[in-house]
């Protein structure tokens, strides 16, 4: 019997990066904590809008109203086949729709698909589209568009396309009729439905009318040149203006099939603002409605003191890691990795550098039901680290490793300085290597180019624990920034594969518990903290909803003015 679902930068005037990096003393480092702004991660709050499409207006409900927000980094692609980081996800989730979409609990709800069924053996997924949905172009959303979108995703083979490698073949995507599409998988694969959240449906007709020359035969470049600066979606908002280095502006799509809540915004402008002082001024003057990612502590304190604004916080599904390269000497030695993990002062991070964050406990955040409380989390024990290195035959000062981090964030610089200081205390030399995020992602392409340790932020990309494990640790998903551990471990691969093929949730949770223990024993990551989203709002803005997938808390349709 088929299972059927039908649920109705830091500001100027502070200590410079050069000053911080050239002074290695603990005393100087500690004194700098109060002088350098500590960046906070973007937050989200507000209750989830539970009203149905029938209760909502066909337009935005707040004509000519404008929401102004900011982000702290340049936006790259807005091609749904390529986007991976939080900024790109923010744009894509507003311009495009997937077949299914998570609520605030991570439960998948109908979206473009009115309902779906899964065969008893878990290999066949059939989706029936909602009637009457149109793209921004006015073209109807059909099963053929779904087929084309998935084929495009797989052919371009960037972004998250590797998630379907070995799982789905293009010839096994079948258009049954105008509203029905079927996927026949090579094997039972439980993450398939959550991964559908990442597969945004594009307007085939519009793309085929705007092809450039390319490597894909009659489909040319698959519209990559066009879609990099234009939208071909059906989302709640359509692209109004795009200046990649400055701002992106969205206009409400009046014919959006779900309608809009009362008080929602006709226009949303997202500006790139890197100076915290500018954010504070704009928030104080009421010219910025919500602050973006990575504001410093002083900025949030300032916003809290404003009569017209507030700060909201919420635990998330994300982690800040030091990923350890397991394929490059000397961190290819398990004893060295274990010594590194036990030689770091994690408590100082959450007590002095990031008091707004929560101490990490294993590779899976406790916000997941599958979190294993029994995973051993290393604590600060430099004597244990020295003993491990001595037993492994290393003398003090013999080892040198590199540590990379994103150069534009003061809190990452501070953590890197602490790491350097802690490692020198156990006899390991650390060369700090601040880089742009783009450079860090490029370095991840091979074990040889990847630094020994890399400080990165990771958040699940689709609402399943598989998102935390496959992308980072499975050998088939190697050579991206997500897998800078370059872990090649048969036991890990086997457990991930087994979980992916286990339909029973209790049995799957047991597998994930074992997987967490296995990863813990490999010492391939230093789990620094679980992230808490912090964001400033004008007092009259509500509705931002957190969902367990990257960037999806920035669904502007949720926001409304009260």
Protein backbone atom coordinates (compact mmCIF):
# COMPACT_ATOMS: atom_id res chain seq x y z
CA UNK A 1 0.00 0.00 0.00
CA UNK A 2 1.36 3.43 -0.88
CA UNK A 3 1.95 6.02 1.81
CA UNK A 4 -0.04 9.10 0.82
CA UNK A 5 0.41 12.62 2.16
CA UNK A 6 -2.13 15.36 1.83
CA UNK A 7 -1.76 17.74 4.83
CA UNK A 8 -4.19 20.81 4.21
CA UNK A 9 32.23 43.31 9.07
CA UNK A 10 33.49 44.86 11.48
CA UNK A 11 33.52 48.68 11.99
CA UNK A 12 36.59 50.86 11.82
CA UNK A 13 38.40 52.37 14.81
CA UNK A 14 39.05 49.02 16.53
CA UNK A 15 42.09 46.77 16.84
CA UNK A 16 43.20 45.76 13.36
CA UNK A 17 43.48 42.24 12.02
CA UNK A 18 47.22 42.76 11.65
CA UNK A 19 47.52 43.81 15.30
CA UNK A 20 45.67 40.73 16.43
CA UNK A 21 47.50 38.27 14.24
CA UNK A 22 51.00 39.51 15.02
CA UNK A 23 50.57 39.39 18.79
CA UNK A 24 50.45 35.85 20.07
CA UNK A 25 50.39 36.40 23.78
CA UNK A 26 47.39 35.22 25.80
CA UNK A 27 47.35 38.44 27.79
CA UNK A 28 47.09 40.57 24.66
CA UNK A 29 44.47 38.23 23.22
CA UNK A 30 42.28 38.38 26.31
CA UNK A 31 42.52 42.13 26.50
CA UNK A 32 41.42 42.39 22.88
CA UNK A 33 38.12 40.66 23.59
CA UNK A 34 36.60 43.79 24.95
CA UNK A 35 37.95 45.96 22.14
CA UNK A 36 37.01 43.99 19.06
CA UNK A 37 33.38 43.68 18.10
CA UNK A 38 32.02 40.14 18.39
CA UNK A 39 29.84 39.26 15.43
CA UNK A 40 26.47 37.69 16.02
CA UNK A 41 24.66 35.34 13.71
CA UNK A 42 21.41 36.41 12.20
CA UNK A 43 18.37 35.45 14.20
CA UNK A 44 14.78 34.78 13.55
CA UNK A 45 11.68 34.85 15.61
CA UNK A 46 8.01 35.42 15.44
CA UNK A 47 5.35 32.82 15.42
CA UNK A 48 4.65 30.80 12.33
CA UNK A 49 1.76 31.99 10.26
CA UNK A 50 -0.84 29.28 10.57
CA UNK A 51 -3.55 30.83 8.45
CA UNK A 52 -4.44 29.04 5.24
CA UNK A 53 -4.26 30.41 1.76
CA UNK A 54 -8.04 30.85 1.89
CA UNK A 55 -7.67 33.31 4.76
CA UNK A 56 -5.17 35.48 2.91
CA UNK A 57 -5.38 38.12 0.27
CA UNK A 58 -4.38 37.58 -3.32
CA UNK A 59 -1.90 40.46 -3.11
CA UNK A 60 0.57 41.48 -0.44
CA UNK A 61 -2.11 43.08 1.65
CA UNK A 62 0.02 46.17 2.28
CA UNK A 63 0.31 47.94 -1.03
CA UNK A 64 3.42 50.08 -1.56
CA UNK A 65 4.84 49.03 1.82
CA UNK A 66 8.58 48.40 1.86
CA UNK A 67 10.80 46.26 4.08
CA UNK A 68 14.51 47.13 4.17
CA UNK A 69 17.00 44.54 5.47
CA UNK A 70 20.74 44.09 5.19
CA UNK A 71 23.27 41.33 4.56
CA UNK A 72 27.00 41.44 5.13
CA UNK A 73 28.34 39.78 2.01
CA UNK A 74 28.10 40.11 -1.76
CA UNK A 75 25.50 37.96 -3.42
CA UNK A 76 26.79 35.47 -5.96
CA UNK A 77 24.47 33.41 -8.12
CA UNK A 78 20.69 33.39 -8.03
CA UNK A 79 20.55 30.31 -10.23
CA UNK A 80 18.56 27.66 -8.31
CA UNK A 81 20.77 24.89 -9.74
CA UNK A 82 23.87 26.45 -8.18
CA UNK A 83 23.06 28.36 -5.00
CA UNK A 84 24.38 26.96 -1.71
CA UNK A 85 25.19 29.66 0.82
CA UNK A 86 22.74 31.48 3.10
CA UNK A 87 22.63 34.64 0.96
CA UNK A 88 21.84 32.72 -2.19
CA UNK A 89 19.27 30.61 -0.34
CA UNK A 90 17.60 33.78 0.92
CA UNK A 91 17.07 34.94 -2.66
CA UNK A 92 16.07 31.56 -4.07
CA UNK A 93 13.47 30.71 -1.45
CA UNK A 94 11.64 33.95 -2.19
CA UNK A 95 11.87 33.81 -5.98
CA UNK A 96 11.15 30.11 -6.45
CA UNK A 97 9.00 27.32 -5.07
CA UNK A 98 9.89 23.66 -4.48
CA UNK A 99 7.36 20.83 -4.49
CA UNK A 100 7.39 20.60 -0.68
CA UNK A 101 8.46 23.00 2.04
CA UNK A 102 9.17 22.59 5.78
CA UNK A 103 7.25 24.21 8.58
CA UNK A 104 8.99 25.49 11.71
CA UNK A 105 9.17 21.94 13.12
CA UNK A 106 10.83 20.60 9.99
CA UNK A 107 7.71 18.71 8.89
CA UNK A 108 7.33 18.76 5.13
CA UNK A 109 4.17 20.41 3.87
CA UNK A 110 2.59 20.62 0.41
CA UNK A 111 3.82 23.49 -1.71
CA UNK A 112 3.67 23.26 -5.50
CA UNK A 113 2.67 19.64 -4.91
CA UNK A 114 -0.86 19.32 -3.54
CA UNK A 115 -0.09 15.76 -2.44
CA UNK A 116 2.31 12.90 -3.02
CA UNK A 117 2.61 9.16 -2.57
CA UNK A 118 5.52 6.81 -1.90
CA UNK A 119 5.54 3.17 -3.00
CA UNK A 120 5.77 0.49 -0.34
CA UNK A 121 9.38 -0.31 -1.26
CA UNK A 122 10.31 3.38 -1.01
CA UNK A 123 11.58 3.68 -4.59
CA UNK A 124 8.74 5.47 -6.41
CA UNK A 125 7.57 9.00 -5.56
CA UNK A 126 4.54 10.45 -7.32
CA UNK A 127 3.67 14.15 -6.98
CA UNK A 128 0.42 15.79 -8.03
CA UNK A 129 0.66 19.54 -8.58
CA UNK A 130 -1.70 22.13 -7.20
CA UNK A 131 -4.07 23.38 -9.89
CA UNK A 132 -3.86 26.87 -11.31
CA UNK A 133 -0.34 27.92 -10.23
CA UNK A 134 1.53 30.25 -12.59
CA UNK A 135 5.09 31.45 -12.90
CA UNK A 136 5.91 35.15 -12.74
CA UNK A 137 5.85 35.10 -16.54
CA UNK A 138 2.22 34.00 -16.52
CA UNK A 139 3.09 30.52 -17.82
CA UNK A 140 1.37 27.66 -15.95
CA UNK A 141 3.40 25.44 -13.62
CA UNK A 142 3.21 21.91 -15.05
CA UNK A 143 4.70 18.48 -14.51
CA UNK A 144 6.90 19.12 -17.54
CA UNK A 145 8.45 22.10 -15.71
CA UNK A 146 9.20 19.83 -12.76
CA UNK A 147 10.88 17.27 -15.00
CA UNK A 148 12.89 19.98 -16.77
CA UNK A 149 13.98 21.58 -13.48
CA UNK A 150 15.31 18.34 -12.04
CA UNK A 151 17.07 17.46 -15.30
CA UNK A 152 18.64 20.92 -15.34
CA UNK A 153 19.76 20.51 -11.73
CA UNK A 154 21.39 17.16 -12.50
CA UNK A 155 22.97 18.21 -15.82
CA UNK A 156 24.55 21.42 -14.53
CA UNK A 157 25.81 19.31 -11.64
CA UNK A 158 26.67 22.09 -9.20
CA UNK A 159 25.22 23.12 -5.88
CA UNK A 160 23.58 20.13 -4.25
CA UNK A 161 23.29 17.96 -7.35
CA UNK A 162 25.61 15.35 -5.80
CA UNK A 163 22.78 14.48 -3.41
CA UNK A 164 21.08 12.63 -6.26
CA UNK A 165 24.19 10.91 -7.63
CA UNK A 166 23.53 7.19 -7.96
CA UNK A 167 19.97 7.69 -6.73
CA UNK A 168 18.05 9.03 -9.72
CA UNK A 169 18.54 8.83 -13.48
CA UNK A 170 17.02 11.43 -15.77
CA UNK A 171 15.23 8.82 -17.82
CA UNK A 172 13.37 7.72 -14.69
CA UNK A 173 11.58 11.06 -14.30
CA UNK A 174 8.21 10.58 -15.96
CA UNK A 175 5.48 13.09 -16.78
CA UNK A 176 2.26 11.14 -16.24
CA UNK A 177 -0.02 14.00 -17.19
CA UNK A 178 -0.01 17.80 -17.02
CA UNK A 179 -0.21 17.79 -13.20
CA UNK A 180 1.53 14.55 -12.26
CA UNK A 181 5.20 13.58 -12.24
CA UNK A 182 6.84 10.36 -11.04
CA UNK A 183 10.40 9.68 -9.86
CA UNK A 184 11.66 6.09 -9.89
CA UNK A 185 14.75 5.83 -7.70
CA UNK A 186 17.53 3.30 -8.10
CA UNK A 187 17.00 2.23 -4.49
CA UNK A 188 15.10 3.14 -1.37
CA UNK A 189 16.34 6.54 -0.29
CA UNK A 190 14.70 8.23 2.70
CA UNK A 191 16.31 11.69 2.21
CA UNK A 192 14.73 12.05 -1.24
CA UNK A 193 11.65 13.89 -0.03
CA UNK A 194 13.59 16.35 2.21
CA UNK A 195 16.00 16.99 -0.66
CA UNK A 196 13.02 18.09 -2.76
CA UNK A 197 13.06 21.24 -0.62
CA UNK A 198 16.26 22.24 -2.46
CA UNK A 199 14.88 21.57 -5.94
CA UNK A 200 13.29 24.83 -6.99
CA UNK A 201 11.03 24.59 -10.03
CA UNK A 202 11.89 26.84 -12.97
CA UNK A 203 9.87 28.07 -15.92
CA UNK A 204 10.91 25.80 -18.80
CA UNK A 205 9.29 27.92 -21.48
CA UNK A 206 10.97 31.11 -20.30
CA UNK A 207 14.39 29.48 -20.04
CA UNK A 208 14.15 27.80 -23.45
CA UNK A 209 13.25 31.20 -24.93
CA UNK A 210 16.42 32.71 -23.42
CA UNK A 211 19.17 30.22 -24.19
CA UNK A 212 22.76 31.08 -24.95
CA UNK A 213 25.30 28.82 -26.57
CA UNK A 214 26.44 26.03 -24.31
CA UNK A 215 27.39 22.41 -23.82
CA UNK A 216 23.91 20.95 -23.38
CA UNK A 217 22.90 20.37 -27.01
CA UNK A 218 19.49 21.76 -27.92
CA UNK A 219 19.25 23.20 -24.40
CA UNK A 220 22.37 25.34 -24.99
CA UNK A 221 23.63 26.77 -21.69
CA UNK A 222 20.36 25.77 -19.94
CA UNK A 223 19.63 29.48 -19.56
CA UNK A 224 22.50 29.97 -17.10
CA UNK A 225 23.46 33.37 -18.47
CA UNK A 226 19.86 34.54 -18.38
CA UNK A 227 18.91 33.15 -14.99
CA UNK A 228 22.02 34.55 -13.31
CA UNK A 229 20.44 37.99 -13.49
CA UNK A 230 16.75 37.21 -13.99
CA UNK A 231 14.22 35.04 -12.24
CA UNK A 232 12.20 32.23 -13.75
CA UNK A 233 10.23 31.30 -10.67
CA UNK A 234 6.78 31.13 -9.18
CA UNK A 235 7.68 32.31 -5.66
CA UNK A 236 5.91 34.82 -3.46
CA UNK A 237 8.26 37.53 -4.69
CA UNK A 238 9.71 38.29 -8.10
CA UNK A 239 12.98 40.00 -8.95
CA UNK A 240 12.55 43.75 -9.20
CA UNK A 241 16.12 45.06 -9.20
CA UNK A 242 19.50 43.39 -8.80
CA UNK A 243 22.86 45.07 -8.25
CA UNK A 244 25.03 42.13 -7.25
CA UNK A 245 27.50 44.15 -5.20
CA UNK A 246 25.00 46.52 -3.61
CA UNK A 247 21.43 45.26 -3.22
CA UNK A 248 18.62 43.02 -4.40
CA UNK A 249 14.99 44.10 -4.46
CA UNK A 250 11.95 41.81 -4.52
CA UNK A 251 8.39 42.75 -5.50
CA UNK A 252 5.38 40.80 -4.27
CA UNK A 253 3.87 38.53 -6.92
CA UNK A 254 0.21 39.48 -6.82
CA UNK A 255 -0.92 36.16 -8.30
CA UNK A 256 0.97 34.02 -5.78
CA UNK A 257 -1.14 30.93 -5.20
CA UNK A 258 -0.90 31.02 -1.39
CA UNK A 259 -1.72 34.69 -1.06
CA UNK A 260 -0.15 36.93 1.56
CA UNK A 261 -0.80 37.48 5.26
CA UNK A 262 -2.31 40.75 6.39
CA UNK A 263 0.35 43.42 6.71
CA UNK A 264 2.91 41.74 4.46
CA UNK A 265 5.23 43.78 2.30
CA UNK A 266 4.78 44.86 -1.29
CA UNK A 267 8.54 45.37 -1.72
CA UNK A 268 11.58 43.94 0.06
CA UNK A 269 14.98 45.58 -0.41
CA UNK A 270 18.07 43.76 0.87
CA UNK A 271 21.16 45.97 1.01
CA UNK A 272 24.77 44.88 1.37
CA UNK A 273 26.04 46.79 4.44
CA UNK A 274 29.35 45.74 5.97
CA UNK A 275 29.85 48.53 8.52
CA UNK A 276 28.26 47.88 11.89
CA UNK A 277 28.19 51.60 12.66
CA UNK A 278 26.03 52.12 9.56
CA UNK A 279 23.63 49.39 10.67
CA UNK A 280 23.26 51.03 14.08
CA UNK A 281 22.59 54.44 12.59
CA UNK A 282 20.03 53.13 10.11
CA UNK A 283 18.23 51.08 12.78
CA UNK A 284 18.13 54.08 15.13
CA UNK A 285 16.72 56.30 12.38
CA UNK A 286 14.13 53.72 11.37
CA UNK A 287 15.67 53.42 7.89
CA UNK A 288 16.51 49.71 8.35
CA UNK A 289 13.72 47.36 9.38
CA UNK A 290 15.83 44.34 10.30
CA UNK A 291 19.53 43.77 10.81
CA UNK A 292 21.29 41.04 8.91
CA UNK A 293 23.89 38.39 9.55
CA UNK A 294 26.96 38.80 11.68
CA UNK A 295 26.49 42.12 13.46
CA UNK A 296 28.85 42.77 16.34
CA UNK A 297 27.90 42.68 20.02
CA UNK A 298 27.95 46.47 20.30
CA UNK A 299 25.39 46.69 17.51
CA UNK A 300 22.96 44.32 19.20
CA UNK A 301 23.46 46.11 22.51
CA UNK A 302 22.76 49.41 20.80
CA UNK A 303 19.60 48.05 19.16
CA UNK A 304 18.39 46.71 22.50
CA UNK A 305 18.70 50.22 23.91
CA UNK A 306 16.60 51.80 21.16
CA UNK A 307 12.98 52.71 21.86
CA UNK A 308 11.98 51.86 18.30
CA UNK A 309 13.74 48.48 17.94
CA UNK A 310 14.38 45.13 19.65
CA UNK A 311 16.65 42.09 19.46
CA UNK A 312 15.31 38.55 19.19
CA UNK A 313 17.22 35.29 19.70
CA UNK A 314 16.48 31.68 18.81
CA UNK A 315 18.52 28.44 18.90
CA UNK A 316 19.19 27.04 15.45
CA UNK A 317 20.22 23.86 13.71
CA UNK A 318 23.69 25.17 12.91
CA UNK A 319 27.23 24.64 14.22
CA UNK A 320 30.53 26.45 14.15
CA UNK A 321 33.31 23.90 13.57
CA UNK A 322 36.99 23.65 13.23
CA UNK A 323 37.10 21.06 10.48
CA UNK A 324 40.28 18.96 10.60
CA UNK A 325 41.87 17.68 7.38
CA UNK A 326 42.29 13.92 7.90
CA UNK A 327 44.33 13.36 4.71
CA UNK A 328 47.19 15.83 5.17
CA UNK A 329 50.17 15.35 7.49
CA UNK A 330 50.37 15.81 10.41
CA UNK A 331 46.59 15.88 11.00
CA UNK A 332 46.27 12.60 9.10
CA UNK A 333 47.55 11.05 12.35
CA UNK A 334 44.55 10.28 14.65
CA UNK A 335 46.72 10.96 17.71
CA UNK A 336 47.45 14.50 16.50
CA UNK A 337 43.75 15.15 15.85
CA UNK A 338 42.81 13.84 19.28
CA UNK A 339 45.48 16.01 20.92
CA UNK A 340 44.21 19.07 19.06
CA UNK A 341 40.63 18.41 20.15
CA UNK A 342 41.51 18.00 23.84
CA UNK A 343 43.91 20.94 23.81
CA UNK A 344 41.39 23.68 23.03
CA UNK A 345 39.53 25.86 25.53
CA UNK A 346 35.95 25.55 24.26
CA UNK A 347 34.48 27.20 27.35
CA UNK A 348 36.42 30.39 26.70
CA UNK A 349 34.76 30.62 23.31
CA UNK A 350 31.22 30.57 24.69
CA UNK A 351 32.04 32.47 27.88
CA UNK A 352 34.18 35.31 26.49
CA UNK A 353 34.17 35.38 22.69
CA UNK A 354 30.62 34.24 21.86
CA UNK A 355 28.53 34.40 25.06
CA UNK A 356 25.48 34.58 22.80
CA UNK A 357 26.07 31.01 21.61
CA UNK A 358 25.61 27.57 23.21
CA UNK A 359 28.40 25.08 23.90
CA UNK A 360 28.43 22.32 21.31
CA UNK A 361 27.79 18.70 22.20
CA UNK A 362 28.67 16.46 19.31
CA UNK A 363 28.23 16.64 15.56
CA UNK A 364 24.42 16.86 15.61
CA UNK A 365 22.82 19.84 17.35
CA UNK A 366 20.38 19.03 20.18
CA UNK A 367 17.61 20.68 18.15
CA UNK A 368 17.48 17.42 16.19
CA UNK A 369 15.51 14.58 17.77
CA UNK A 370 18.27 12.19 16.65
CA UNK A 371 20.94 13.99 18.72
CA UNK A 372 23.03 11.50 20.74
CA UNK A 373 23.56 12.78 24.28
CA UNK A 374 26.18 10.12 24.96
CA UNK A 375 28.75 11.34 22.43
CA UNK A 376 31.99 12.23 24.21
CA UNK A 377 32.71 15.92 23.64
CA UNK A 378 36.36 16.86 24.30
CA UNK A 379 37.03 19.49 26.94
CA UNK A 380 40.09 21.58 27.71
CA UNK A 381 42.77 19.18 28.96
CA UNK A 382 46.21 20.34 27.75
CA UNK A 383 48.04 17.77 29.89
CA UNK A 384 46.14 14.98 28.15
CA UNK A 385 47.05 16.50 24.78
CA UNK A 386 50.75 16.69 25.63
CA UNK A 387 50.70 13.07 26.74
CA UNK A 388 48.99 11.97 23.51
CA UNK A 389 51.62 13.72 21.41
CA UNK A 390 54.47 12.31 23.49
CA UNK A 391 53.10 8.77 23.20
CA UNK A 392 52.79 9.26 19.43
CA UNK A 393 56.49 10.19 19.27
CA UNK A 394 56.23 13.94 18.67
CA UNK A 395 58.51 16.38 20.48
CA UNK A 396 57.46 19.89 21.52
CA UNK A 397 57.53 22.34 18.62
CA UNK A 398 58.00 19.63 16.01
CA UNK A 399 54.55 20.00 14.46
CA UNK A 400 53.26 22.97 12.47
CA UNK A 401 49.69 23.25 11.19
CA UNK A 402 47.68 25.92 9.36
CA UNK A 403 44.35 27.31 10.49
CA UNK A 404 42.12 29.23 8.11
CA UNK A 405 39.12 31.40 8.92
CA UNK A 406 37.01 34.09 7.28
CA UNK A 407 39.00 37.28 7.54
CA UNK A 408 36.08 39.71 7.70
CA UNK A 409 34.68 38.49 11.03
CA UNK A 410 36.36 39.58 14.27
CA UNK A 411 34.93 36.70 16.29
CA UNK A 412 36.57 34.21 13.94
CA UNK A 413 39.87 36.05 14.33
CA UNK A 414 39.52 35.82 18.08
CA UNK A 415 38.78 32.10 18.01
CA UNK A 416 41.75 31.57 15.71
CA UNK A 417 44.01 33.46 18.13
CA UNK A 418 42.79 31.36 21.02
CA UNK A 419 43.40 28.22 18.97
CA UNK A 420 46.91 29.37 18.14
CA UNK A 421 47.65 30.13 21.79
CA UNK A 422 46.19 26.82 23.04
CA UNK A 423 48.07 24.76 20.46
CA UNK A 424 51.39 26.44 21.25
CA UNK A 425 50.78 25.54 24.87
CA UNK A 426 50.69 21.82 23.95
CA UNK A 427 53.66 22.10 21.59
CA UNK A 428 52.00 22.58 18.18
CA UNK A 429 52.84 25.63 16.07
CA UNK A 430 49.90 27.25 14.27
CA UNK A 431 50.14 29.48 11.21
CA UNK A 432 47.00 31.60 10.92
CA UNK A 433 45.65 31.99 7.41
CA UNK A 434 42.77 34.52 7.19
CA UNK A 435 41.04 34.38 3.81
CA UNK A 436 37.89 35.49 2.06
CA UNK A 437 35.11 32.95 2.14
CA UNK A 438 35.42 32.48 -1.61
CA UNK A 439 39.08 31.55 -1.27
CA UNK A 440 38.32 29.12 1.55
CA UNK A 441 35.82 27.27 -0.63
CA UNK A 442 38.39 27.06 -3.42
CA UNK A 443 41.02 25.65 -1.06
CA UNK A 444 38.67 22.80 -0.18
CA UNK A 445 38.93 21.19 -3.62
CA UNK A 446 41.77 18.83 -2.64
CA UNK A 447 43.32 17.52 0.59
CA UNK A 448 46.67 19.01 -0.39
CA UNK A 449 45.25 22.55 -0.70
CA UNK A 450 42.93 22.34 2.30
CA UNK A 451 44.41 23.80 5.51
CA UNK A 452 44.95 21.46 8.46
CA UNK A 453 42.09 23.11 10.34
CA UNK A 454 39.38 25.40 8.95
CA UNK A 455 36.86 27.37 10.93
CA UNK A 456 33.49 27.20 9.18
CA UNK A 457 29.81 27.58 9.95
CA UNK A 458 27.52 24.76 8.86
CA UNK A 459 23.74 24.56 8.86
CA UNK A 460 21.60 21.75 7.44
CA UNK A 461 20.56 22.39 3.87
CA UNK A 462 17.45 20.21 3.98
CA UNK A 463 15.31 19.09 6.93
CA UNK A 464 16.93 15.74 7.71
CA UNK A 465 19.96 14.65 9.80
CA UNK A 466 21.28 13.25 6.54
CA UNK A 467 22.04 16.84 5.56
CA UNK A 468 24.45 17.12 8.48
CA UNK A 469 26.22 13.86 7.69
CA UNK A 470 26.29 13.05 3.97
CA UNK A 471 27.53 16.41 2.68
CA UNK A 472 30.30 16.58 5.24
CA UNK A 473 31.47 13.04 5.82
CA UNK A 474 30.54 10.66 3.02
CA UNK A 475 33.41 9.94 0.66
CA UNK A 476 31.13 10.47 -2.36
CA UNK A 477 30.51 14.09 -1.32
CA UNK A 478 34.16 15.09 -1.00
CA UNK A 479 36.03 18.08 -2.42
CA UNK A 480 33.72 20.89 -1.30
CA UNK A 481 34.00 23.25 1.67
CA UNK A 482 31.37 21.14 3.41
CA UNK A 483 33.74 18.16 3.46
CA UNK A 484 37.03 19.81 4.38
CA UNK A 485 37.68 16.87 6.70
CA UNK A 486 38.29 14.82 3.54
CA UNK A 487 37.11 11.84 5.52
CA UNK A 488 37.34 8.52 3.73
CA UNK A 489 36.03 5.98 6.18
CA UNK A 490 34.18 2.83 5.20
CA UNK A 491 32.33 2.58 8.52
CA UNK A 492 31.07 6.14 8.23
CA UNK A 493 30.00 5.64 4.60
CA UNK A 494 28.23 2.41 5.52
CA UNK A 495 26.27 3.96 8.40
CA UNK A 496 25.21 6.95 6.31
CA UNK A 497 24.10 4.64 3.49
CA UNK A 498 22.22 2.39 5.90
CA UNK A 499 20.36 5.34 7.43
CA UNK A 500 19.41 6.53 3.96
CA UNK A 501 17.76 3.20 3.21
CA UNK A 502 16.03 2.68 6.56
CA UNK A 503 12.41 3.76 6.49
CA UNK A 504 11.62 3.06 10.15
CA UNK A 505 12.38 6.29 12.09
CA UNK A 506 13.32 4.53 15.36
CA UNK A 507 15.75 2.20 13.60
CA UNK A 508 17.16 5.16 11.68
CA UNK A 509 17.71 7.08 14.93
CA UNK A 510 19.74 4.17 16.31
CA UNK A 511 21.93 4.23 13.22
CA UNK A 512 22.46 7.97 13.60
CA UNK A 513 23.41 7.47 17.25
CA UNK A 514 26.08 4.96 16.24
CA UNK A 515 27.26 7.28 13.48
CA UNK A 516 27.72 10.15 15.94
CA UNK A 517 29.80 7.93 18.21
CA UNK A 518 31.92 6.78 15.27
CA UNK A 519 32.60 10.33 14.13
CA UNK A 520 33.43 11.34 17.67
CA UNK A 521 36.07 8.61 17.89
CA UNK A 522 37.70 9.85 14.65
CA UNK A 523 38.30 13.37 16.01
CA UNK A 524 37.72 14.89 12.59
CA UNK A 525 35.96 18.01 13.92
CA UNK A 526 36.18 20.43 16.81
CA UNK A 527 32.60 21.40 17.64
CA UNK A 528 32.86 24.94 18.97
CA UNK A 529 29.26 25.99 19.50
CA UNK A 530 25.67 25.58 18.45
CA UNK A 531 24.46 28.78 16.88
CA UNK A 532 21.81 31.07 18.24
CA UNK A 533 20.32 33.40 15.67
CA UNK A 534 20.33 37.00 16.80
CA UNK A 535 18.62 39.71 14.78
CA UNK A 536 17.43 43.26 15.29
CA UNK A 537 13.95 44.37 14.26
CA UNK A 538 11.98 47.53 14.25
CA UNK A 539 9.25 47.01 16.83
CA UNK A 540 6.49 46.88 14.24
CA UNK A 541 8.01 43.96 12.26
CA UNK A 542 7.04 40.40 13.15
CA UNK A 543 6.75 36.96 11.62
CA UNK A 544 10.25 35.78 10.71
CA UNK A 545 10.07 32.00 11.05
CA UNK A 546 12.95 29.60 11.57
CA UNK A 547 12.96 26.42 9.52
CA UNK A 548 15.59 23.64 9.67
CA UNK A 549 17.15 24.32 6.31
CA UNK A 550 19.73 26.80 5.14
CA UNK A 551 18.45 30.31 4.60
CA UNK A 552 14.80 29.38 4.76
CA UNK A 553 14.17 31.60 7.77
CA UNK A 554 14.36 34.49 5.32
CA UNK A 555 11.04 33.74 3.70
CA UNK A 556 9.79 37.28 3.31
CA UNK A 557 6.17 36.22 2.94
CA UNK A 558 6.25 35.35 6.66
CA UNK A 559 7.11 38.93 7.60
CA UNK A 560 4.43 41.47 8.27
CA UNK A 561 3.94 44.88 9.83
CA UNK A 562 1.80 45.24 12.95
